[in-house]
């Protein structure tokens, strides 16, 4: 085997290795977010504590993967598709880490609400369940799209972000109604506001991953563009 072929094979192994690490990190983040939602629904303080402790694991993955990617850039000086792959992975782990932060924030709210003997309105918990399931599904499918560089799936998921935004706005309207009907709900309603926003942001980060998938597969930077326009340009 020549040095050139050995180097190329090793490069391929490095790319596959860091790609696998990203999806391992995504699995951890997905579990963190799911557990945070479960802790909220069940007021499970022990599970909430586990989510908060687990945030350091997510951070560790981000640092490790980023170091691996920087090493690949320095050693291999990739071009074209390989460079786009490395940049996509670097960007994706940043969004995954932020999703992990949102999970930890929700878990922290569960604990702080228990200390203050504050309870969230049952109606809002139903809203959270709907929003949380939707955001969790977006996260899971966005990583599937990344694994396969599936542009069609990425566009479909990104379009769904507006549906999550609509759920958030509807939840906000109901929160305002609760506060108007009973001023005693103002403090827990503010807690609920922070939780709803955290879930909505998870959807935004999942959408970001979908935009990176389009960049990876098509070489198009579609940030800040309406997804309908992106879909039309790709189709054309």
Protein backbone atom coordinates (compact mmCIF):
# COMPACT_ATOMS: atom_id res chain seq x y z
CA UNK A 1 0.00 0.00 0.00
CA UNK A 2 1.41 3.42 -0.98
CA UNK A 3 1.65 6.34 1.45
CA UNK A 4 -0.93 8.27 -0.59
CA UNK A 5 -3.51 5.50 -0.31
CA UNK A 6 -2.77 5.02 3.39
CA UNK A 7 -3.14 8.73 4.07
CA UNK A 8 -6.42 8.86 2.16
CA UNK A 9 -7.77 5.86 4.03
CA UNK A 10 -6.76 7.37 7.34
CA UNK A 11 -8.43 10.65 6.40
CA UNK A 12 -11.60 8.76 5.57
CA UNK A 13 -11.46 7.02 8.96
CA UNK A 14 -11.00 10.35 10.74
CA UNK A 15 -14.03 11.84 8.99
CA UNK A 16 -16.17 8.81 9.81
CA UNK A 17 -14.95 8.87 13.40
CA UNK A 18 -15.87 12.48 14.05
CA UNK A 19 -19.18 12.02 12.21
CA UNK A 20 -20.03 9.12 14.52
CA UNK A 21 -19.06 11.20 17.56
CA UNK A 22 -21.49 13.92 16.53
CA UNK A 23 -24.34 11.44 16.36
CA UNK A 24 -23.37 9.98 19.72
CA UNK A 25 -23.50 13.50 21.14
CA UNK A 26 -26.89 14.02 19.50
CA UNK A 27 -28.20 10.88 21.20
CA UNK A 28 -27.07 12.20 24.59
CA UNK A 29 -28.64 15.61 23.93
CA UNK A 30 -31.91 14.04 22.81
CA UNK A 31 -32.05 11.98 26.00
CA UNK A 32 -31.27 15.07 28.09
CA UNK A 33 -34.10 17.02 26.49
CA UNK A 34 -36.56 14.14 26.79
CA UNK A 35 -35.67 13.67 30.47
CA UNK A 36 -36.07 17.38 31.16
CA UNK A 37 -39.58 17.30 29.71
CA UNK A 38 -40.42 14.19 31.71
CA UNK A 39 -39.07 15.79 34.89
CA UNK A 40 -41.29 18.81 34.23
CA UNK A 41 -44.43 16.78 33.60
CA UNK A 42 -43.91 14.56 36.66
CA UNK A 43 -42.23 17.16 38.89
CA UNK A 44 -39.41 14.61 39.23
CA UNK A 45 -36.66 16.41 41.11
CA UNK A 46 -34.24 13.48 40.97
CA UNK A 47 -34.50 13.24 37.20
CA UNK A 48 -34.15 17.02 36.92
CA UNK A 49 -30.93 16.80 38.93
CA UNK A 50 -29.61 14.10 36.58
CA UNK A 51 -30.27 16.36 33.60
CA UNK A 52 -28.37 19.22 35.20
CA UNK A 53 -25.43 16.93 36.04
CA UNK A 54 -25.47 15.49 32.53
CA UNK A 55 -24.91 18.89 30.94
CA UNK A 56 -21.17 18.54 31.57
CA UNK A 57 -21.17 15.38 29.45
CA UNK A 58 -22.69 17.30 26.55
CA UNK A 59 -20.11 20.06 26.97
CA UNK A 60 -17.35 17.46 26.98
CA UNK A 61 -18.52 16.06 23.67
CA UNK A 62 -18.57 19.53 22.13
CA UNK A 63 -14.99 20.24 23.19
CA UNK A 64 -13.74 16.82 22.04
CA UNK A 65 -15.45 17.00 18.65
CA UNK A 66 -14.35 20.56 18.04
CA UNK A 67 -10.75 19.58 18.81
CA UNK A 68 -11.03 16.62 16.42
CA UNK A 69 -12.39 18.86 13.66
CA UNK A 70 -9.69 21.48 14.16
CA UNK A 71 -7.11 18.72 14.00
CA UNK A 72 -8.54 17.50 10.70
CA UNK A 73 -8.49 21.02 9.27
CA UNK A 74 -4.87 21.50 10.33
CA UNK A 75 -3.55 18.09 9.22
CA UNK A 76 -5.60 17.42 6.10
CA UNK A 77 -6.53 20.85 4.77
CA UNK A 78 -9.74 19.42 3.29
CA UNK A 79 -11.40 21.01 0.28
CA UNK A 80 -14.83 21.01 -1.37
CA UNK A 81 -17.23 18.45 0.11
CA UNK A 82 -14.86 17.31 2.85
CA UNK A 83 -14.41 20.88 4.05
CA UNK A 84 -18.16 21.44 4.03
CA UNK A 85 -18.62 18.26 6.08
CA UNK A 86 -16.14 19.37 8.74
CA UNK A 87 -17.68 22.85 8.92
CA UNK A 88 -21.17 21.36 9.10
CA UNK A 89 -20.18 19.16 12.02
CA UNK A 90 -18.56 22.07 13.88
CA UNK A 91 -21.69 24.17 13.45
CA UNK A 92 -24.02 21.31 14.38
CA UNK A 93 -22.32 20.55 17.69
CA UNK A 94 -22.66 24.20 18.69
CA UNK A 95 -26.44 23.92 18.25
CA UNK A 96 -26.52 20.56 20.01
CA UNK A 97 -24.67 22.05 22.97
CA UNK A 98 -27.21 24.87 23.16
CA UNK A 99 -30.06 22.35 23.12
CA UNK A 100 -28.33 20.66 26.04
CA UNK A 101 -28.27 24.03 27.80
CA UNK A 102 -32.02 24.42 27.24
CA UNK A 103 -32.63 20.97 28.74
CA UNK A 104 -30.59 21.91 31.80
CA UNK A 105 -32.48 25.22 32.06
CA UNK A 106 -35.84 23.43 32.05
CA UNK A 107 -34.56 21.01 34.70
CA UNK A 108 -33.33 23.93 36.82
CA UNK A 109 -36.77 25.53 36.58
CA UNK A 110 -38.37 22.31 37.82
CA UNK A 111 -36.16 22.39 40.91
CA UNK A 112 -36.57 26.12 41.57
CA UNK A 113 -40.36 25.85 41.26
CA UNK A 114 -40.40 23.05 43.83
CA UNK A 115 -38.40 25.17 46.27
CA UNK A 116 -40.82 28.04 45.87
CA UNK A 117 -43.84 25.75 46.12
CA UNK A 118 -44.96 27.04 42.72
CA UNK A 119 -46.95 24.84 40.38
CA UNK A 120 -47.59 25.30 36.70
CA UNK A 121 -51.17 25.52 35.50
CA UNK A 122 -52.34 22.07 34.27
CA UNK A 123 -53.44 23.62 31.00
CA UNK A 124 -49.96 24.88 30.34
CA UNK A 125 -48.47 21.46 31.07
CA UNK A 126 -50.60 20.16 28.21
CA UNK A 127 -49.18 22.90 25.99
CA UNK A 128 -45.66 21.99 27.05
CA UNK A 129 -46.28 18.34 26.22
CA UNK A 130 -47.38 19.23 22.70
CA UNK A 131 -44.52 21.68 22.15
CA UNK A 132 -41.95 19.35 23.71
CA UNK A 133 -42.97 16.36 21.60
CA UNK A 134 -42.85 18.50 18.48
CA UNK A 135 -39.39 19.91 19.27
CA UNK A 136 -38.07 16.47 20.22
CA UNK A 137 -39.29 15.08 16.91
CA UNK A 138 -37.62 17.95 15.03
CA UNK A 139 -34.35 17.27 16.81
CA UNK A 140 -34.41 13.54 16.10
CA UNK A 141 -35.32 13.94 12.43
CA UNK A 142 -32.79 16.74 11.87
CA UNK A 143 -30.02 14.38 12.95
CA UNK A 144 -31.39 11.74 10.59
CA UNK A 145 -31.21 14.31 7.81
CA UNK A 146 -27.61 15.09 8.77
CA UNK A 147 -26.66 11.40 8.83
CA UNK A 148 -27.91 10.95 5.26
CA UNK A 149 -27.31 14.49 3.96
CA UNK A 150 -31.02 14.36 3.04
CA UNK A 151 -31.99 17.77 1.68
CA UNK A 152 -35.67 16.95 1.17
CA UNK A 153 -36.03 15.83 4.77
CA UNK A 154 -34.10 18.87 5.99
CA UNK A 155 -36.46 21.21 4.14
CA UNK A 156 -39.52 19.38 5.46
CA UNK A 157 -38.28 19.67 9.06
CA UNK A 158 -37.32 23.32 8.67
CA UNK A 159 -40.81 24.12 7.43
CA UNK A 160 -42.19 22.52 10.59
CA UNK A 161 -40.43 25.10 12.74
CA UNK A 162 -43.19 27.60 11.98
CA UNK A 163 -45.76 25.14 13.35
CA UNK A 164 -43.82 24.98 16.61
CA UNK A 165 -43.69 28.79 16.66
CA UNK A 166 -47.48 28.85 16.28
CA UNK A 167 -47.84 26.46 19.22
CA UNK A 168 -45.63 28.77 21.26
CA UNK A 169 -47.70 31.83 20.40
CA UNK A 170 -50.91 29.96 21.26
CA UNK A 171 -49.44 28.91 24.61
CA UNK A 172 -48.50 32.53 25.28
CA UNK A 173 -52.05 33.68 24.65
CA UNK A 174 -53.37 31.07 27.08
CA UNK A 175 -50.82 32.13 29.69
CA UNK A 176 -51.99 35.72 29.45
CA UNK A 177 -55.58 34.52 29.90
CA UNK A 178 -54.62 32.58 33.04
CA UNK A 179 -52.93 35.65 34.51
CA UNK A 180 -55.92 37.90 33.74
CA UNK A 181 -58.34 35.44 35.31
CA UNK A 182 -56.28 34.90 38.46
CA UNK A 183 -53.40 37.22 39.46
CA UNK A 184 -52.06 34.47 41.73
CA UNK A 185 -50.95 32.64 38.59
CA UNK A 186 -48.60 35.45 37.51
CA UNK A 187 -45.44 34.03 39.10
CA UNK A 188 -45.90 30.45 37.84
CA UNK A 189 -46.97 31.87 34.48
CA UNK A 190 -43.62 33.69 34.22
CA UNK A 191 -41.89 30.37 34.99
CA UNK A 192 -43.95 28.79 32.25
CA UNK A 193 -42.95 31.54 29.86
CA UNK A 194 -39.25 30.74 30.29
CA UNK A 195 -39.89 27.03 29.78
CA UNK A 196 -41.97 27.60 26.64
CA UNK A 197 -39.29 29.84 25.18
CA UNK A 198 -36.61 27.23 25.90
CA UNK A 199 -38.62 24.60 24.02
CA UNK A 200 -39.25 26.96 21.12
CA UNK A 201 -35.50 27.61 20.91
CA UNK A 202 -34.82 23.87 20.65
CA UNK A 203 -36.87 23.93 17.46
CA UNK A 204 -34.78 26.84 16.19
CA UNK A 205 -31.56 24.91 16.79
CA UNK A 206 -32.98 21.84 15.03
CA UNK A 207 -33.84 24.07 12.09
CA UNK A 208 -30.27 25.37 12.09
CA UNK A 209 -28.99 21.80 11.71
CA UNK A 210 -31.31 21.41 8.72
CA UNK A 211 -29.80 24.53 7.15
CA UNK A 212 -26.33 23.03 7.63
CA UNK A 213 -27.51 19.86 5.86
CA UNK A 214 -28.52 21.94 2.85
CA UNK A 215 -25.12 23.64 2.91
CA UNK A 216 -23.40 20.25 3.13
CA UNK A 217 -25.31 18.69 0.26
CA UNK A 218 -25.77 21.69 -2.05
CA UNK A 219 -23.06 24.16 -1.03
CA UNK A 220 -25.75 26.80 -0.42
CA UNK A 221 -25.65 29.11 2.58
CA UNK A 222 -29.36 29.44 3.34
CA UNK A 223 -29.22 31.18 6.70
CA UNK A 224 -31.71 34.04 7.01
CA UNK A 225 -33.59 32.91 3.88
CA UNK A 226 -37.26 31.85 3.98
CA UNK A 227 -37.36 28.07 3.72
CA UNK A 228 -39.97 28.26 0.95
CA UNK A 229 -37.52 30.30 -1.13
CA UNK A 230 -34.76 27.76 -0.44
CA UNK A 231 -37.00 24.88 -1.49
CA UNK A 232 -37.93 26.66 -4.73
CA UNK A 233 -34.31 27.47 -5.61
CA UNK A 234 -33.25 23.87 -5.03
CA UNK A 235 -36.14 22.57 -7.08
CA UNK A 236 -35.34 24.97 -9.92
